[in-house]
Amino acid sequence: MIIAGCLLALTVVSSAVNKRNAATLSAETLSFSGADSRIIFACIMSALLLQFLVGRIPILSAHALPLAAVTTGVYACTFVVVNVHRERIMAERHQQALTILQALVDVFGRVDPKKIDMSALPFTWECDSKLKCVSKIIIDTTQEGVKVNDGSITYGQYSLNKYIPQLQWTALDDAPNRQLIFTGLPKPPQVAKWVGSDYRPGGWIPVGLAGGNMEVCLNIADEKDHGMSMWVDEDGVQAGTLDMPSAPQVMTLGSTGGGKAIALTQMVEVICEGKGE
């Protein structure tokens, strides 16, 4: 009886949510997420365990009907929460599909938002888990109404950068596989990852911090005035400057013994050998 109540609650609640969101249903939204699936599995297993215990414990057997009613109510509330989460995923997927259709109007043409069939879209897409936005769109170019040419691809790429500005979009026309693929690439950070050199002269290039809160710089101009560091630690202490030779060896390339470590004023003799005529 308990297991029957659990399954009945799951069926009724899920069917009600599906009916209310019939316009946004698809193969993906009909399934539950990993966390929701584990919750449902835990409910079913607990119902099986309680059903087993009712047949073995006299006090539970004597109150089997009230116990079944209470557990069914608890399971129903749990499944409502799970399906509300699934409903939110449906709405997000529908909004993402609408954004793609609006951004790629040159590829798909104008589509009435109220007539979007989520189960028959001519494209699939992936989402970035960190940015919570569409990151890849794969279009089946064999579908009727899909317009693929240089103009529609160019305008589509431009439009995606406007509608989904979190990423930098690129396009690939995979003609052999009859696919048009738009991929969103990470944008350069708006705030630099490394502190700049506003307080340094042009000949001093900050590289990073050494031990003792000292900044390492490349002194490429042999300037005596090295300015000051922009690095400030969590205590508000500004980093010092580590003395470095001018034109350090790290700025040159070549094999060992090739003459990299020479002074700026050193005379170098270059011998060229060749066969005579």
C-alpha atoms as a PDB file:
ATOM      1  CA  MET A   1       0.000   0.000   0.000  1.00  0.00           C
ATOM      2  CA  ILE A   2       2.845   2.405   0.825  1.00  0.00           C
ATOM      3  CA  ILE A   3       4.704   1.706  -2.388  1.00  0.00           C
ATOM      4  CA  ALA A   4       1.461   2.138  -4.338  1.00  0.00           C
ATOM      5  CA  GLY A   5       0.875   5.513  -2.676  1.00  0.00           C
ATOM      6  CA  CYS A   6       4.431   6.593  -3.526  1.00  0.00           C
ATOM      7  CA  LEU A   7       4.082   5.676  -7.198  1.00  0.00           C
ATOM      8  CA  LEU A   8       0.613   7.215  -7.367  1.00  0.00           C
ATOM      9  CA  ALA A   9       1.891  10.500  -5.940  1.00  0.00           C
ATOM     10  CA  LEU A  10       4.790  10.553  -8.435  1.00  0.00           C
ATOM     11  CA  THR A  11       2.487   9.854 -11.377  1.00  0.00           C
ATOM     12  CA  VAL A  12      -0.165  12.401 -10.440  1.00  0.00           C
ATOM     13  CA  VAL A  13       2.240  15.243  -9.658  1.00  0.00           C
ATOM     14  CA  SER A  14       4.433  14.652 -12.727  1.00  0.00           C
ATOM     15  CA  SER A  15       1.419  14.382 -15.035  1.00  0.00           C
ATOM     16  CA  ALA A  16      -0.022  17.619 -13.688  1.00  0.00           C
ATOM     17  CA  VAL A  17       3.254  19.460 -14.287  1.00  0.00           C
ATOM     18  CA  ASN A  18       3.586  17.987 -17.793  1.00  0.00           C
ATOM     19  CA  LYS A  19       0.060  19.046 -18.679  1.00  0.00           C
ATOM     20  CA  ARG A  20       0.631  22.570 -17.407  1.00  0.00           C
ATOM     21  CA  ASN A  21       3.816  22.880 -19.461  1.00  0.00           C
ATOM     22  CA  ALA A  22       2.726  21.013 -22.573  1.00  0.00           C
ATOM     23  CA  ALA A  23       4.072  23.783 -24.841  1.00  0.00           C
ATOM     24  CA  THR A  24       7.622  23.500 -23.503  1.00  0.00           C
ATOM     25  CA  LEU A  25       7.922  19.736 -23.256  1.00  0.00           C
ATOM     26  CA  SER A  26      10.783  17.918 -24.968  1.00  0.00           C
ATOM     27  CA  ALA A  27      12.708  14.697 -24.538  1.00  0.00           C
ATOM     28  CA  GLU A  28      15.168  16.470 -22.240  1.00  0.00           C
ATOM     29  CA  THR A  29      12.648  18.223 -20.023  1.00  0.00           C
ATOM     30  CA  LEU A  30      10.576  15.056 -19.570  1.00  0.00           C
ATOM     31  CA  SER A  31      13.524  13.510 -17.730  1.00  0.00           C
ATOM     32  CA  PHE A  32      14.677  14.513 -14.252  1.00  0.00           C
ATOM     33  CA  SER A  33      18.072  15.921 -13.365  1.00  0.00           C
ATOM     34  CA  GLY A  34      20.618  13.794 -11.537  1.00  0.00           C
ATOM     35  CA  ALA A  35      19.853  15.215  -8.101  1.00  0.00           C
ATOM     36  CA  ASP A  36      16.097  14.959  -8.621  1.00  0.00           C
ATOM     37  CA  SER A  37      16.424  11.361  -9.841  1.00  0.00           C
ATOM     38  CA  ARG A  38      18.325  10.447  -6.683  1.00  0.00           C
ATOM     39  CA  ILE A  39      15.593  11.984  -4.526  1.00  0.00           C
ATOM     40  CA  ILE A  40      12.909  10.008  -6.353  1.00  0.00           C
ATOM     41  CA  PHE A  41      14.969   6.831  -6.048  1.00  0.00           C
ATOM     42  CA  ALA A  42      15.397   7.428  -2.310  1.00  0.00           C
ATOM     43  CA  CYS A  43      11.635   7.886  -1.903  1.00  0.00           C
ATOM     44  CA  ILE A  44      10.847   4.651  -3.734  1.00  0.00           C
ATOM     45  CA  MET A  45      13.441   2.686  -1.752  1.00  0.00           C
ATOM     46  CA  SER A  46      12.123   4.102   1.526  1.00  0.00           C
ATOM     47  CA  ALA A  47       8.591   3.124   0.475  1.00  0.00           C
ATOM     48  CA  LEU A  48       9.788  -0.422  -0.213  1.00  0.00           C
ATOM     49  CA  LEU A  49      11.506  -0.546   3.174  1.00  0.00           C
ATOM     50  CA  LEU A  50       8.426   0.729   5.011  1.00  0.00           C
ATOM     51  CA  GLN A  51       6.235  -1.754   3.146  1.00  0.00           C
ATOM     52  CA  PHE A  52       8.561  -4.536   4.284  1.00  0.00           C
ATOM     53  CA  LEU A  53       8.563  -3.317   7.896  1.00  0.00           C
ATOM     54  CA  VAL A  54       4.760  -3.060   8.019  1.00  0.00           C
ATOM     55  CA  GLY A  55       4.510  -6.772   7.344  1.00  0.00           C
ATOM     56  CA  ARG A  56       7.052  -7.590  10.056  1.00  0.00           C
ATOM     57  CA  ILE A  57       6.236  -5.180  12.920  1.00  0.00           C
ATOM     58  CA  PRO A  58       2.812  -5.638  14.570  1.00  0.00           C
ATOM     59  CA  ILE A  59       2.393  -2.029  15.704  1.00  0.00           C
ATOM     60  CA  LEU A  60       2.951  -0.809  12.148  1.00  0.00           C
ATOM     61  CA  SER A  61       0.588  -3.427  10.778  1.00  0.00           C
ATOM     62  CA  ALA A  62      -2.125  -2.214  13.131  1.00  0.00           C
ATOM     63  CA  HIS A  63      -1.793   1.332  11.778  1.00  0.00           C
ATOM     64  CA  ALA A  64      -1.018   0.479   8.161  1.00  0.00           C
ATOM     65  CA  LEU A  65      -3.725   2.682   6.655  1.00  0.00           C
ATOM     66  CA  PRO A  66      -2.875   5.912   8.548  1.00  0.00           C
ATOM     67  CA  LEU A  67       0.819   5.261   7.893  1.00  0.00           C
ATOM     68  CA  ALA A  68       0.160   4.845   4.189  1.00  0.00           C
ATOM     69  CA  ALA A  69      -1.832   8.092   4.112  1.00  0.00           C
ATOM     70  CA  VAL A  70       0.894  10.048   5.923  1.00  0.00           C
ATOM     71  CA  THR A  71       3.731   8.662   3.796  1.00  0.00           C
ATOM     72  CA  THR A  72       1.770   9.301   0.599  1.00  0.00           C
ATOM     73  CA  GLY A  73       1.325  12.934   1.641  1.00  0.00           C
ATOM     74  CA  VAL A  74       5.037  13.260   2.420  1.00  0.00           C
ATOM     75  CA  TYR A  75       5.981  11.702  -0.917  1.00  0.00           C
ATOM     76  CA  ALA A  76       3.516  13.952  -2.738  1.00  0.00           C
ATOM     77  CA  CYS A  77       5.081  17.071  -1.171  1.00  0.00           C
ATOM     78  CA  THR A  78       8.558  15.819  -2.084  1.00  0.00           C
ATOM     79  CA  PHE A  79       7.552  15.156  -5.674  1.00  0.00           C
ATOM     80  CA  VAL A  80       5.970  18.607  -5.916  1.00  0.00           C
ATOM     81  CA  VAL A  81       9.320  20.168  -4.974  1.00  0.00           C
ATOM     82  CA  VAL A  82      11.175  17.940  -7.452  1.00  0.00           C
ATOM     83  CA  ASN A  83       8.756  18.760 -10.266  1.00  0.00           C
ATOM     84  CA  VAL A  84       8.851  22.484  -9.520  1.00  0.00           C
ATOM     85  CA  HIS A  85      12.598  22.275 -10.074  1.00  0.00           C
ATOM     86  CA  ARG A  86      12.009  20.400 -13.332  1.00  0.00           C
ATOM     87  CA  GLU A  87       9.451  23.032 -14.325  1.00  0.00           C
ATOM     88  CA  ARG A  88      12.034  25.747 -13.810  1.00  0.00           C
ATOM     89  CA  ILE A  89      14.445  23.830 -16.053  1.00  0.00           C
ATOM     90  CA  MET A  90      11.691  23.641 -18.707  1.00  0.00           C
ATOM     91  CA  ALA A  91      11.257  27.410 -18.582  1.00  0.00           C
ATOM     92  CA  GLU A  92      15.016  27.987 -18.835  1.00  0.00           C
ATOM     93  CA  ARG A  93      15.324  25.641 -21.822  1.00  0.00           C
ATOM     94  CA  HIS A  94      12.381  27.328 -23.526  1.00  0.00           C
ATOM     95  CA  GLN A  95      13.928  30.759 -22.976  1.00  0.00           C
ATOM     96  CA  GLN A  96      17.280  29.557 -24.310  1.00  0.00           C
ATOM     97  CA  ALA A  97      15.616  28.152 -27.436  1.00  0.00           C
ATOM     98  CA  LEU A  98      13.741  31.423 -27.939  1.00  0.00           C
ATOM     99  CA  THR A  99      16.971  33.414 -27.594  1.00  0.00           C
ATOM    100  CA  ILE A 100      18.705  31.215 -30.185  1.00  0.00           C
ATOM    101  CA  LEU A 101      15.804  31.570 -32.634  1.00  0.00           C
ATOM    102  CA  GLN A 102      15.728  35.333 -32.188  1.00  0.00           C
ATOM    103  CA  ALA A 103      19.502  35.658 -32.535  1.00  0.00           C
ATOM    104  CA  LEU A 104      19.657  33.431 -35.639  1.00  0.00           C
ATOM    105  CA  VAL A 105      16.670  34.922 -37.438  1.00  0.00           C
ATOM    106  CA  ASP A 106      18.797  35.117 -40.617  1.00  0.00           C
ATOM    107  CA  VAL A 107      19.259  31.336 -40.442  1.00  0.00           C
ATOM    108  CA  PHE A 108      15.800  30.178 -39.312  1.00  0.00           C
ATOM    109  CA  GLY A 109      13.605  33.070 -40.361  1.00  0.00           C
ATOM    110  CA  ARG A 110      11.094  34.690 -38.014  1.00  0.00           C
ATOM    111  CA  VAL A 111       9.375  32.290 -35.619  1.00  0.00           C
ATOM    112  CA  ASP A 112       6.314  33.013 -33.502  1.00  0.00           C
ATOM    113  CA  PRO A 113       7.376  32.470 -29.847  1.00  0.00           C
ATOM    114  CA  LYS A 114       3.967  30.964 -29.083  1.00  0.00           C
ATOM    115  CA  LYS A 115       4.390  28.333 -31.792  1.00  0.00           C
ATOM    116  CA  ILE A 116       7.802  26.964 -30.817  1.00  0.00           C
ATOM    117  CA  ASP A 117       7.751  23.173 -30.783  1.00  0.00           C
ATOM    118  CA  MET A 118      10.434  22.191 -28.288  1.00  0.00           C
ATOM    119  CA  SER A 119      10.316  18.583 -29.441  1.00  0.00           C
ATOM    120  CA  ALA A 120      11.079  19.419 -33.092  1.00  0.00           C
ATOM    121  CA  LEU A 121      13.741  22.116 -33.031  1.00  0.00           C
ATOM    122  CA  PRO A 122      16.212  22.092 -35.964  1.00  0.00           C
ATOM    123  CA  PHE A 123      19.142  22.507 -33.588  1.00  0.00           C
ATOM    124  CA  THR A 124      20.630  21.312 -30.334  1.00  0.00           C
ATOM    125  CA  TRP A 125      22.637  23.332 -27.860  1.00  0.00           C
ATOM    126  CA  GLU A 126      24.954  23.067 -24.898  1.00  0.00           C
ATOM    127  CA  CYS A 127      25.276  25.353 -21.892  1.00  0.00           C
ATOM    128  CA  ASP A 128      28.232  26.684 -19.963  1.00  0.00           C
ATOM    129  CA  SER A 129      27.907  25.480 -16.362  1.00  0.00           C
ATOM    130  CA  LYS A 130      29.744  28.506 -14.951  1.00  0.00           C
ATOM    131  CA  LEU A 131      28.220  31.295 -17.027  1.00  0.00           C
ATOM    132  CA  LYS A 132      24.754  29.650 -17.084  1.00  0.00           C
ATOM    133  CA  CYS A 133      24.254  30.488 -20.746  1.00  0.00           C
ATOM    134  CA  VAL A 134      24.249  28.811 -24.154  1.00  0.00           C
ATOM    135  CA  SER A 135      27.815  27.990 -25.232  1.00  0.00           C
ATOM    136  CA  LYS A 136      27.389  25.867 -28.374  1.00  0.00           C
ATOM    137  CA  ILE A 137      24.700  25.577 -31.050  1.00  0.00           C
ATOM    138  CA  ILE A 138      24.602  22.729 -33.579  1.00  0.00           C
ATOM    139  CA  ILE A 139      22.185  23.282 -36.477  1.00  0.00           C
ATOM    140  CA  ASP A 140      21.006  20.519 -38.785  1.00  0.00           C
ATOM    141  CA  THR A 141      21.244  22.203 -42.202  1.00  0.00           C
ATOM    142  CA  THR A 142      19.123  19.503 -43.853  1.00  0.00           C
ATOM    143  CA  GLN A 143      16.004  20.786 -42.057  1.00  0.00           C
ATOM    144  CA  GLU A 144      13.470  22.651 -44.147  1.00  0.00           C
ATOM    145  CA  GLY A 145      13.637  26.423 -43.791  1.00  0.00           C
ATOM    146  CA  VAL A 146      17.259  26.581 -42.594  1.00  0.00           C
ATOM    147  CA  LYS A 147      19.139  29.200 -44.631  1.00  0.00           C
ATOM    148  CA  VAL A 148      22.913  28.700 -44.746  1.00  0.00           C
ATOM    149  CA  ASN A 149      25.115  31.074 -46.724  1.00  0.00           C
ATOM    150  CA  ASP A 150      27.928  33.500 -45.998  1.00  0.00           C
ATOM    151  CA  GLY A 151      25.520  36.343 -45.246  1.00  0.00           C
ATOM    152  CA  SER A 152      23.282  34.445 -42.827  1.00  0.00           C
ATOM    153  CA  ILE A 153      26.293  32.946 -41.016  1.00  0.00           C
ATOM    154  CA  THR A 154      27.999  36.342 -40.656  1.00  0.00           C
ATOM    155  CA  TYR A 155      24.864  38.086 -39.413  1.00  0.00           C
ATOM    156  CA  GLY A 156      24.062  35.144 -37.152  1.00  0.00           C
ATOM    157  CA  GLN A 157      27.483  35.298 -35.539  1.00  0.00           C
ATOM    158  CA  TYR A 158      27.166  39.045 -35.046  1.00  0.00           C
ATOM    159  CA  SER A 159      23.686  38.638 -33.560  1.00  0.00           C
ATOM    160  CA  LEU A 160      24.810  35.918 -31.138  1.00  0.00           C
ATOM    161  CA  ASN A 161      27.485  38.263 -29.813  1.00  0.00           C
ATOM    162  CA  LYS A 162      24.677  40.747 -29.125  1.00  0.00           C
ATOM    163  CA  TYR A 163      22.117  38.331 -27.635  1.00  0.00           C
ATOM    164  CA  ILE A 164      24.608  36.195 -25.656  1.00  0.00           C
ATOM    165  CA  PRO A 165      27.420  38.662 -24.860  1.00  0.00           C
ATOM    166  CA  GLN A 166      29.015  36.495 -22.174  1.00  0.00           C
ATOM    167  CA  LEU A 167      30.973  34.649 -24.895  1.00  0.00           C
ATOM    168  CA  GLN A 168      32.806  35.465 -28.123  1.00  0.00           C
ATOM    169  CA  TRP A 169      31.055  33.544 -30.904  1.00  0.00           C
ATOM    170  CA  THR A 170      32.614  31.782 -33.876  1.00  0.00           C
ATOM    171  CA  ALA A 171      30.963  29.882 -36.729  1.00  0.00           C
ATOM    172  CA  LEU A 172      31.876  26.705 -38.598  1.00  0.00           C
ATOM    173  CA  ASP A 173      30.002  25.499 -41.680  1.00  0.00           C
ATOM    174  CA  ASP A 174      30.557  21.735 -41.545  1.00  0.00           C
ATOM    175  CA  ALA A 175      29.201  20.989 -45.020  1.00  0.00           C
ATOM    176  CA  PRO A 176      30.250  17.296 -45.183  1.00  0.00           C
ATOM    177  CA  ASN A 177      28.226  16.532 -42.037  1.00  0.00           C
ATOM    178  CA  ARG A 178      25.401  18.944 -42.970  1.00  0.00           C
ATOM    179  CA  GLN A 179      25.883  20.982 -39.815  1.00  0.00           C
ATOM    180  CA  LEU A 180      26.351  24.642 -38.939  1.00  0.00           C
ATOM    181  CA  ILE A 181      28.096  25.005 -35.598  1.00  0.00           C
ATOM    182  CA  PHE A 182      28.273  28.187 -33.546  1.00  0.00           C
ATOM    183  CA  THR A 183      30.727  27.994 -30.636  1.00  0.00           C
ATOM    184  CA  GLY A 184      31.049  30.528 -27.825  1.00  0.00           C
ATOM    185  CA  LEU A 185      34.616  31.084 -26.686  1.00  0.00           C
ATOM    186  CA  PRO A 186      35.671  32.661 -23.369  1.00  0.00           C
ATOM    187  CA  LYS A 187      36.136  36.390 -23.575  1.00  0.00           C
ATOM    188  CA  PRO A 188      39.293  38.127 -22.365  1.00  0.00           C
ATOM    189  CA  PRO A 189      38.756  39.322 -18.791  1.00  0.00           C
ATOM    190  CA  GLN A 190      37.524  42.872 -18.436  1.00  0.00           C
ATOM    191  CA  VAL A 191      39.736  43.197 -15.384  1.00  0.00           C
ATOM    192  CA  ALA A 192      43.336  42.192 -16.027  1.00  0.00           C
ATOM    193  CA  LYS A 193      44.448  39.010 -14.304  1.00  0.00           C
ATOM    194  CA  TRP A 194      47.840  40.556 -13.502  1.00  0.00           C
ATOM    195  CA  VAL A 195      48.470  43.965 -11.989  1.00  0.00           C
ATOM    196  CA  GLY A 196      49.731  46.498 -14.559  1.00  0.00           C
ATOM    197  CA  SER A 197      52.688  48.858 -14.455  1.00  0.00           C
ATOM    198  CA  ASP A 198      51.153  52.304 -14.171  1.00  0.00           C
ATOM    199  CA  TYR A 199      53.701  53.276 -11.521  1.00  0.00           C
ATOM    200  CA  ARG A 200      56.684  51.953 -13.482  1.00  0.00           C
ATOM    201  CA  PRO A 201      58.658  53.672 -16.267  1.00  0.00           C
ATOM    202  CA  GLY A 202      58.474  52.161 -19.730  1.00  0.00           C
ATOM    203  CA  GLY A 203      61.723  50.245 -19.376  1.00  0.00           C
ATOM    204  CA  TRP A 204      60.594  48.299 -16.291  1.00  0.00           C
ATOM    205  CA  ILE A 205      58.250  45.380 -17.002  1.00  0.00           C
ATOM    206  CA  PRO A 206      56.671  43.733 -13.904  1.00  0.00           C
ATOM    207  CA  VAL A 207      56.845  39.932 -14.045  1.00  0.00           C
ATOM    208  CA  GLY A 208      55.553  38.776 -10.673  1.00  0.00           C
ATOM    209  CA  LEU A 209      56.304  38.494  -6.972  1.00  0.00           C
ATOM    210  CA  ALA A 210      59.301  36.817  -5.402  1.00  0.00           C
ATOM    211  CA  GLY A 211      59.718  35.845  -1.763  1.00  0.00           C
ATOM    212  CA  GLY A 212      59.509  38.540   0.856  1.00  0.00           C
ATOM    213  CA  ASN A 213      56.856  40.561  -1.027  1.00  0.00           C
ATOM    214  CA  MET A 214      59.351  41.768  -3.630  1.00  0.00           C
ATOM    215  CA  GLU A 215      58.322  42.381  -7.249  1.00  0.00           C
ATOM    216  CA  VAL A 216      60.512  41.027 -10.046  1.00  0.00           C
ATOM    217  CA  CYS A 217      60.832  43.290 -13.086  1.00  0.00           C
ATOM    218  CA  LEU A 218      62.639  43.088 -16.419  1.00  0.00           C
ATOM    219  CA  ASN A 219      64.840  46.178 -16.681  1.00  0.00           C
ATOM    220  CA  ILE A 220      65.156  46.434 -20.453  1.00  0.00           C
ATOM    221  CA  ALA A 221      66.270  50.061 -20.590  1.00  0.00           C
ATOM    222  CA  ASP A 222      68.838  50.239 -17.759  1.00  0.00           C
ATOM    223  CA  GLU A 223      66.744  52.912 -16.078  1.00  0.00           C
ATOM    224  CA  LYS A 224      67.796  53.994 -12.618  1.00  0.00           C
ATOM    225  CA  ASP A 225      64.350  55.242 -11.590  1.00  0.00           C
ATOM    226  CA  HIS A 226      62.302  52.066 -11.247  1.00  0.00           C
ATOM    227  CA  GLY A 227      59.164  53.731  -9.913  1.00  0.00           C
ATOM    228  CA  MET A 228      57.028  51.683  -7.498  1.00  0.00           C
ATOM    229  CA  SER A 229      55.004  48.486  -7.488  1.00  0.00           C
ATOM    230  CA  MET A 230      51.226  48.286  -7.811  1.00  0.00           C
ATOM    231  CA  TRP A 231      51.140  45.042  -5.820  1.00  0.00           C
ATOM    232  CA  VAL A 232      49.532  45.400  -2.384  1.00  0.00           C
ATOM    233  CA  ASP A 233      49.126  42.393  -0.070  1.00  0.00           C
ATOM    234  CA  GLU A 234      46.141  41.600   2.120  1.00  0.00           C
ATOM    235  CA  ASP A 235      47.625  43.725   4.922  1.00  0.00           C
ATOM    236  CA  GLY A 236      47.890  46.764   2.666  1.00  0.00           C
ATOM    237  CA  VAL A 237      51.687  46.572   2.372  1.00  0.00           C
ATOM    238  CA  GLN A 238      53.071  47.601  -1.002  1.00  0.00           C
ATOM    239  CA  ALA A 239      55.608  45.263  -2.596  1.00  0.00           C
ATOM    240  CA  GLY A 240      59.202  46.356  -2.921  1.00  0.00           C
ATOM    241  CA  THR A 241      61.412  46.015  -5.993  1.00  0.00           C
ATOM    242  CA  LEU A 242      63.951  43.239  -6.469  1.00  0.00           C
ATOM    243  CA  ASP A 243      67.199  44.478  -8.023  1.00  0.00           C
ATOM    244  CA  MET A 244      67.718  42.885 -11.438  1.00  0.00           C
ATOM    245  CA  PRO A 245      70.474  43.414 -14.040  1.00  0.00           C
ATOM    246  CA  SER A 246      69.517  45.269 -17.186  1.00  0.00           C
ATOM    247  CA  ALA A 247      68.869  43.205 -20.338  1.00  0.00           C
ATOM    248  CA  PRO A 248      68.613  39.941 -18.349  1.00  0.00           C
ATOM    249  CA  GLN A 249      69.338  36.632 -20.018  1.00  0.00           C
ATOM    250  CA  VAL A 250      65.713  35.585 -19.701  1.00  0.00           C
ATOM    251  CA  MET A 251      64.900  37.946 -22.557  1.00  0.00           C
ATOM    252  CA  THR A 252      67.064  36.039 -25.050  1.00  0.00           C
ATOM    253  CA  LEU A 253      66.741  32.629 -26.681  1.00  0.00           C
ATOM    254  CA  GLY A 254      69.208  30.105 -27.959  1.00  0.00           C
ATOM    255  CA  SER A 255      71.206  27.019 -27.048  1.00  0.00           C
ATOM    256  CA  THR A 256      73.794  26.917 -24.292  1.00  0.00           C
ATOM    257  CA  GLY A 257      77.126  28.309 -25.461  1.00  0.00           C
ATOM    258  CA  GLY A 258      75.539  30.323 -28.224  1.00  0.00           C
ATOM    259  CA  GLY A 259      76.629  33.663 -26.836  1.00  0.00           C
ATOM    260  CA  LYS A 260      73.459  34.783 -25.058  1.00  0.00           C
ATOM    261  CA  ALA A 261      75.131  36.012 -21.867  1.00  0.00           C
ATOM    262  CA  ILE A 262      77.090  38.962 -23.228  1.00  0.00           C
ATOM    263  CA  ALA A 263      77.296  42.513 -21.982  1.00  0.00           C
ATOM    264  CA  LEU A 264      75.552  45.288 -23.859  1.00  0.00           C
ATOM    265  CA  THR A 265      78.898  46.980 -24.664  1.00  0.00           C
ATOM    266  CA  GLN A 266      80.844  43.810 -25.448  1.00  0.00           C
ATOM    267  CA  MET A 267      82.432  43.474 -28.880  1.00  0.00           C
ATOM    268  CA  VAL A 268      81.329  40.294 -30.620  1.00  0.00           C
ATOM    269  CA  GLU A 269      83.248  38.829 -33.524  1.00  0.00           C
ATOM    270  CA  VAL A 270      81.138  36.907 -36.006  1.00  0.00           C
ATOM    271  CA  ILE A 271      82.986  34.527 -38.327  1.00  0.00           C
ATOM    272  CA  CYS A 272      81.233  33.397 -41.498  1.00  0.00           C
ATOM    273  CA  GLU A 273      82.659  30.460 -43.367  1.00  0.00           C
ATOM    274  CA  GLY A 274      81.682  29.459 -46.856  1.00  0.00           C
ATOM    275  CA  LYS A 275      83.012  27.612 -49.874  1.00  0.00           C
ATOM    276  CA  GLY A 276      84.975  29.613 -52.369  1.00  0.00           C
ATOM    277  CA  GLU A 277      84.063  29.663 -56.026  1.00  0.00           C
END
